[in-house]
Protein backbone atom coordinates (compact mmCIF):
# COMPACT_ATOMS: atom_id res chain seq x y z
CA MET A 1 0.00 0.00 0.00
CA THR A 2 1.39 3.40 -0.95
CA LEU A 3 0.29 6.87 0.04
CA SER A 4 -1.07 8.66 -3.01
CA ARG A 5 -1.49 12.41 -3.28
CA LEU A 6 -5.27 11.91 -3.48
CA GLU A 7 -5.37 9.96 -0.21
CA PHE A 8 -3.08 12.46 1.50
CA TRP A 9 -5.41 15.36 0.64
CA ARG A 10 -8.54 13.33 1.36
CA LYS A 11 -7.36 12.39 4.85
CA THR A 12 -6.04 15.88 5.58
CA THR A 13 -9.43 17.30 4.60
CA HIS A 14 -11.12 14.61 6.70
CA LEU A 15 -9.09 15.66 9.75
CA LEU A 16 -9.75 19.38 9.22
CA PHE A 17 -13.49 18.78 8.70
CA GLY A 18 -13.59 16.77 11.93
CA LEU A 19 -11.81 19.52 13.85
CA LEU A 20 -14.25 22.09 12.44
CA ALA A 21 -17.20 19.88 13.45
CA ALA A 22 -15.78 19.52 16.96
CA PHE A 23 -15.25 23.27 17.25
CA VAL A 24 -18.76 24.30 16.15
CA THR A 25 -20.19 21.61 18.45
CA TRP A 26 -18.12 22.80 21.42
CA ALA A 27 -19.04 26.43 20.71
CA GLY A 28 -22.75 25.56 20.68
CA ILE A 29 -23.18 26.77 17.10
CA VAL A 30 -24.98 23.57 16.03
CA ASN A 31 -27.64 21.25 17.42
CA PRO A 32 -28.98 17.91 16.11
CA LEU A 33 -31.52 19.60 13.84
CA THR A 34 -29.09 22.06 12.27
CA VAL A 35 -26.63 19.24 11.64
CA LEU A 36 -29.35 17.14 9.98
CA LEU A 37 -30.17 20.10 7.75
CA LEU A 38 -26.69 19.70 6.32
CA VAL A 39 -27.85 16.44 4.66
CA PRO A 40 -30.06 18.15 2.02
CA LEU A 41 -27.27 20.68 1.52
CA CYS A 42 -24.91 17.79 0.85
CA LEU A 43 -27.39 16.28 -1.60
CA ALA A 44 -27.58 19.62 -3.42
CA PHE A 45 -23.78 19.67 -3.43
CA VAL A 46 -23.76 16.18 -5.00
CA VAL A 47 -26.25 17.19 -7.71
CA LEU A 48 -24.25 20.31 -8.54
CA ALA A 49 -20.97 18.44 -8.57
CA LYS A 50 -22.31 15.66 -10.81
CA SER A 51 -23.97 18.11 -13.19
CA GLY A 52 -20.63 19.51 -14.29
CA TYR A 53 -22.13 23.01 -14.24
CA ALA A 54 -20.39 24.09 -11.05
CA PRO A 55 -17.09 25.59 -12.25
CA LEU A 56 -15.24 25.10 -8.94
CA LEU A 57 -17.29 22.34 -7.34
CA SER A 58 -17.13 19.70 -10.06
CA PRO A 59 -13.31 19.69 -10.50
CA LEU A 60 -12.83 19.82 -6.72
CA CYS A 61 -15.06 16.76 -6.22
CA ALA A 62 -13.39 14.92 -9.06
CA SER A 63 -9.96 15.58 -7.55
CA MET A 64 -10.95 14.60 -3.98
CA GLU A 65 -13.22 11.58 -4.44
CA ARG A 66 -12.17 7.97 -4.78
CA GLU A 67 -13.09 6.32 -8.05
CA GLU A 68 -15.52 3.88 -6.40
CA ASN A 69 -17.48 6.86 -5.01
CA SER A 70 -17.41 8.98 -8.18
CA HIS A 71 -21.11 8.23 -8.81
CA PHE A 72 -21.96 9.77 -5.41
CA PRO A 73 -19.39 12.45 -4.49
CA GLY A 74 -19.60 13.58 -0.89
CA LYS A 75 -21.14 10.28 0.27
CA THR A 76 -18.59 9.74 3.03
CA ALA A 77 -19.16 13.27 4.37
CA MET A 78 -22.90 12.62 4.44
CA TYR A 79 -22.43 9.46 6.53
CA PHE A 80 -20.39 11.47 9.03
CA ILE A 81 -23.03 14.23 9.19
CA VAL A 82 -25.77 11.70 10.01
CA SER A 83 -23.65 10.11 12.75
CA TRP A 84 -22.83 13.59 14.09
CA ALA A 85 -26.55 14.35 14.42
CA VAL A 86 -27.18 11.01 16.17
CA LEU A 87 -24.32 11.71 18.58
CA LEU A 88 -25.71 15.14 19.42
CA TRP A 89 -29.16 13.68 20.06
CA TRP A 90 -28.14 10.83 22.34
CA PHE A 91 -24.84 11.55 24.07
CA PRO A 92 -23.36 14.18 26.43
CA LEU A 93 -21.21 16.91 24.91
CA GLU A 94 -17.88 15.47 26.09
CA ILE A 95 -18.68 12.07 24.53
CA VAL A 96 -19.79 13.73 21.28
CA LEU A 97 -16.60 15.76 21.02
CA ALA A 98 -14.37 12.82 21.95
CA SER A 99 -16.11 10.60 19.37
CA ILE A 100 -15.62 13.18 16.61
CA LEU A 101 -11.94 13.50 17.53
CA ILE A 102 -11.51 9.71 17.62
CA LEU A 103 -12.91 9.42 14.10
CA SER A 104 -10.96 12.41 12.82
CA PHE A 105 -7.56 11.46 14.24
CA GLY A 106 -7.90 7.67 14.26
CA ASP A 107 -9.11 7.38 10.69
CA SER A 108 -6.90 10.09 9.19
CA ILE A 109 -3.62 9.43 10.99
CA GLY A 110 -4.15 5.68 10.90
CA HIS A 111 -4.67 5.71 7.14
CA LEU A 112 -1.75 8.05 6.45
CA VAL A 113 0.68 6.07 8.62
CA GLY A 114 -0.62 2.75 7.31
CA ALA A 115 -0.34 3.83 3.68
CA ALA A 116 3.15 5.27 4.15
CA PHE A 117 4.71 2.69 6.50
CA GLY A 118 2.34 -0.28 6.80
CA ARG A 119 3.80 -3.73 6.24
CA ILE A 120 1.76 -6.13 8.42
CA PRO A 121 -1.85 -6.66 7.23
CA THR A 122 -4.59 -7.37 9.75
CA LEU A 123 -6.23 -10.79 9.70
CA VAL A 124 -9.81 -9.53 9.26
CA ASN A 125 -9.09 -7.01 6.51
CA PRO A 126 -5.95 -7.29 4.37
CA ARG A 127 -6.54 -3.72 3.12
CA LYS A 128 -5.72 -2.48 6.65
CA ASN A 129 -2.42 -2.95 8.45
CA TRP A 130 -1.30 -3.01 12.06
CA GLU A 131 0.97 0.01 11.78
CA GLY A 132 -1.99 2.19 10.76
CA ILE A 133 -4.29 0.68 13.38
CA VAL A 134 -1.77 1.30 16.18
CA ALA A 135 -1.02 4.88 15.02
CA GLY A 136 -4.74 5.58 14.73
CA PHE A 137 -5.41 4.15 18.19
CA LEU A 138 -2.65 6.17 19.86
CA THR A 139 -3.62 9.51 18.31
CA ALA A 140 -7.35 8.88 18.82
CA ALA A 141 -6.86 7.96 22.49
CA MET A 142 -4.71 11.05 23.13
CA ALA A 143 -7.28 13.31 21.45
CA ALA A 144 -10.19 11.77 23.38
CA TYR A 145 -8.28 12.05 26.69
CA LEU A 146 -8.63 15.82 26.40
CA LEU A 147 -12.36 15.36 27.07
CA VAL A 148 -13.07 12.09 28.85
CA PRO A 149 -11.38 9.99 31.57
CA ARG A 150 -8.26 8.08 30.52
CA GLU A 151 -9.94 4.67 30.68
CA ALA A 152 -12.83 5.85 28.53
CA ALA A 153 -10.46 7.42 25.99
CA ILE A 154 -8.40 4.23 25.69
CA PHE A 155 -11.40 1.89 25.45
CA GLY A 156 -13.26 4.19 23.05
CA ALA A 157 -10.24 4.49 20.76
CA ALA A 158 -9.63 0.71 20.88
CA VAL A 159 -13.24 -0.13 19.98
CA ALA A 160 -13.29 2.54 17.26
CA MET A 161 -10.11 1.27 15.63
CA GLY A 162 -11.41 -2.28 15.89
CA VAL A 163 -14.49 -1.21 13.93
CA GLU A 164 -12.27 0.75 11.53
CA ALA A 165 -10.24 -2.41 10.85
CA LEU A 166 -13.30 -4.39 9.75
CA PRO A 167 -14.17 -4.74 6.05
CA HIS A 168 -16.59 -1.97 5.04
CA ARG A 169 -18.37 -4.11 2.46
CA ILE A 170 -19.90 -7.43 3.47
CA HIS A 171 -21.92 -9.44 0.90
CA GLY A 172 -22.58 -6.27 -1.11
CA TRP A 173 -23.71 -4.25 1.93
CA GLU A 174 -21.68 -1.19 2.83
CA LEU A 175 -20.91 -0.43 6.47
CA PRO A 176 -19.58 3.14 6.26
CA ASP A 177 -16.89 3.75 8.87
CA ASN A 178 -17.69 7.47 9.01
CA PHE A 179 -21.01 6.37 10.52
CA THR A 180 -20.05 3.30 12.55
CA VAL A 181 -16.73 4.43 14.08
CA PRO A 182 -17.94 7.53 16.00
CA LEU A 183 -21.06 5.70 17.23
CA ALA A 184 -19.01 2.70 18.39
CA ALA A 185 -16.60 5.06 20.17
CA ALA A 186 -19.47 6.91 21.86
CA LEU A 187 -21.11 3.70 23.10
CA ALA A 188 -17.79 2.33 24.38
CA MET A 189 -16.86 5.55 26.20
CA SER A 190 -20.35 5.92 27.67
CA ALA A 191 -20.14 2.40 29.08
CA VAL A 192 -16.78 3.10 30.73
CA VAL A 193 -17.91 6.46 32.12
CA TRP A 194 -21.00 4.75 33.57
CA LEU A 195 -18.89 1.96 35.11
CA LEU A 196 -16.51 4.50 36.61
CA GLY A 197 -19.42 6.49 37.99
CA ALA A 198 -17.96 9.65 36.46
CA PRO A 199 -20.33 12.60 36.06
């Protein structure tokens, strides 16, 4: 596996978008409803990008999207937006922020390190490697520890990277990691916080 320019920019954008989402959440600028309203905006974005009539949008999408998603540019962002809304609806602010950071750092850094230095494939998904999983876990746990207890950060990052390591397509069904990873992290951290009796 090699690190292409496309993947470098995709994962850098992924990280920056996650940090922006965490900031506007922390600042109280968004709520579950306003985040859900981003979904139709994303759909409009997709229609414009696919139409070819958007002078800046269409080339940007073409340069940032993987070939397998070219029929639906922005799909991965939409999955994240839906999970973001679910997080805001069901979890406390610290868990929401930690989950967003776990996805942003774990996925981005894990992929970049794995693509650049990965040599040992995982058993469940040969497209993923242990170097990326470990790098993603470490950075995700450190980011989450800014917001939740250490045990919750470690367990949340471990569960999230475990989900990240799974194949995303099973028997033709897609399990988008931008949706599953932050929700898995939130559930794992919530369980630990509850067991610890932390407020």
